[in-house]
Amino acid sequence: MIQTITAKELAELQQGASQPRLIDVRERDEWEICRLPNAELIPLSEFAARVLEELKKDEEVILYCHHGMRSERAGEYLVKNGYAKVRHLKGGIEAWSVEVDPTVKRYQ
């Protein structure tokens, strides 16, 4: 099972000197609605085809989606492929909007 990070923990982590790679696995139309600062988009529909070439196995990676389901699946894929420093945002961008930054647009 993949490790999680809460929205508040991620906000604290982003204040530090060392920044994890923040990957949004939602689809492009969702990305256009809202996104987290400094995030990169690798949609789940393209994830398996791109991620093994685009992410280094030794870097810290935090994945997120709308509610946390897709990012959990993406994280499990990375762990199965030898990535050790992978977590996903519990509750996704929805939790971020509710717990950290209400200016991040919420959507259905």
Protein backbone atom coordinates (compact mmCIF):
# COMPACT_ATOMS: atom_id res chain seq x y z
CA MET A 1 0.00 0.00 0.00
CA ILE A 2 1.22 3.47 -0.87
CA GLN A 3 1.92 6.04 1.83
CA THR A 4 -0.27 9.12 2.12
CA ILE A 5 0.32 12.74 2.98
CA THR A 6 -2.38 15.10 4.22
CA ALA A 7 -3.05 18.50 2.69
CA LYS A 8 -1.70 20.25 5.78
CA GLU A 9 1.44 18.10 5.80
CA LEU A 10 2.01 18.88 2.12
CA ALA A 11 1.59 22.61 2.77
CA GLU A 12 4.23 22.39 5.52
CA LEU A 13 6.55 20.35 3.32
CA GLN A 14 6.31 22.94 0.55
CA GLN A 15 7.68 25.56 2.96
CA GLY A 16 10.95 23.64 3.25
CA ALA A 17 14.09 23.89 1.14
CA SER A 18 13.79 20.48 -0.47
CA GLN A 19 10.76 20.28 -2.74
CA PRO A 20 9.20 16.96 -3.76
CA ARG A 21 8.08 16.45 -7.34
CA LEU A 22 4.35 17.15 -7.35
CA ILE A 23 2.46 15.23 -10.04
CA ASP A 24 -1.20 15.78 -10.91
CA VAL A 25 -2.70 12.62 -12.44
CA ARG A 26 -6.07 14.16 -13.33
CA GLU A 27 -7.01 14.72 -16.94
CA ARG A 28 -6.27 17.94 -18.83
CA ASP A 29 -9.84 19.32 -18.52
CA GLU A 30 -9.62 19.00 -14.72
CA TRP A 31 -6.15 20.61 -14.75
CA GLU A 32 -7.66 23.61 -16.54
CA ILE A 33 -10.21 24.09 -13.72
CA CYS A 34 -7.64 24.21 -10.92
CA ARG A 35 -4.22 22.92 -9.90
CA LEU A 36 -1.72 23.09 -7.10
CA PRO A 37 1.24 25.46 -7.36
CA ASN A 38 4.38 23.89 -8.85
CA ALA A 39 2.53 20.76 -9.99
CA GLU A 40 3.21 18.93 -13.23
CA LEU A 41 0.49 17.19 -15.22
CA ILE A 42 0.89 13.53 -16.12
CA PRO A 43 -2.71 12.34 -16.67
CA LEU A 44 -3.53 8.84 -15.50
CA SER A 45 -4.53 8.02 -19.10
CA GLU A 46 -0.89 8.67 -20.13
CA PHE A 47 0.78 7.67 -16.87
CA ALA A 48 2.15 4.21 -17.70
CA ALA A 49 3.44 5.38 -21.09
CA ARG A 50 5.31 8.40 -19.69
CA VAL A 51 6.18 8.10 -16.05
CA LEU A 52 8.99 5.53 -16.08
CA GLU A 53 10.98 7.77 -18.43
CA GLU A 54 10.04 11.10 -16.83
CA LEU A 55 10.53 10.33 -13.12
CA LYS A 56 13.74 9.21 -11.46
CA LYS A 57 13.45 6.28 -9.07
CA ASP A 58 15.34 8.09 -6.29
CA GLU A 59 13.38 11.36 -6.24
CA GLU A 60 10.60 12.16 -3.80
CA VAL A 61 7.25 12.14 -5.61
CA ILE A 62 3.83 13.23 -4.37
CA LEU A 63 0.84 12.41 -6.55
CA TYR A 64 -2.60 13.92 -6.41
CA CYS A 65 -5.95 13.82 -8.20
CA HIS A 66 -9.46 15.04 -7.38
CA HIS A 67 -10.23 12.86 -4.32
CA GLY A 68 -7.23 10.53 -4.03
CA MET A 69 -8.33 7.36 -5.80
CA ARG A 70 -6.45 7.78 -9.08
CA SER A 71 -3.31 9.07 -7.38
CA GLU A 72 -3.31 6.02 -5.11
CA ARG A 73 -3.46 3.71 -8.17
CA ALA A 74 -0.70 5.69 -9.87
CA GLY A 75 1.44 5.48 -6.75
CA GLU A 76 0.97 1.74 -6.50
CA TYR A 77 2.16 1.47 -10.10
CA LEU A 78 5.31 3.42 -9.24
CA VAL A 79 6.02 1.34 -6.14
CA LYS A 80 5.65 -1.87 -8.16
CA ASN A 81 8.21 -0.44 -10.58
CA GLY A 82 10.84 0.26 -7.92
CA TYR A 83 10.08 3.81 -6.80
CA ALA A 84 10.59 4.10 -3.05
CA LYS A 85 9.81 7.74 -2.20
CA VAL A 86 6.19 7.93 -3.37
CA ARG A 87 3.17 9.28 -1.52
CA HIS A 88 -0.25 10.44 -2.58
CA LEU A 89 -2.32 13.35 -1.29
CA LYS A 90 -5.08 11.95 0.90
CA GLY A 91 -8.38 13.45 -0.25
CA GLY A 92 -6.77 14.98 -3.33
CA ILE A 93 -7.09 18.57 -4.48
CA GLU A 94 -10.52 18.64 -2.84
CA ALA A 95 -8.88 18.24 0.59
CA TRP A 96 -6.33 20.91 -0.32
CA SER A 97 -9.13 23.37 -1.13
CA VAL A 98 -11.04 22.60 2.07
CA GLU A 99 -8.10 22.37 4.50
CA VAL A 100 -5.37 24.64 3.10
CA ASP A 101 -6.37 27.04 0.33
CA PRO A 102 -10.04 27.83 -0.29
CA THR A 103 -9.09 29.89 -3.37
CA VAL A 104 -8.43 26.61 -5.20
CA LYS A 105 -11.65 26.00 -7.10
CA ARG A 106 -13.75 23.00 -6.08
CA TYR A 107 -15.67 21.05 -8.72
CA GLN A 108 -17.86 17.99 -9.17
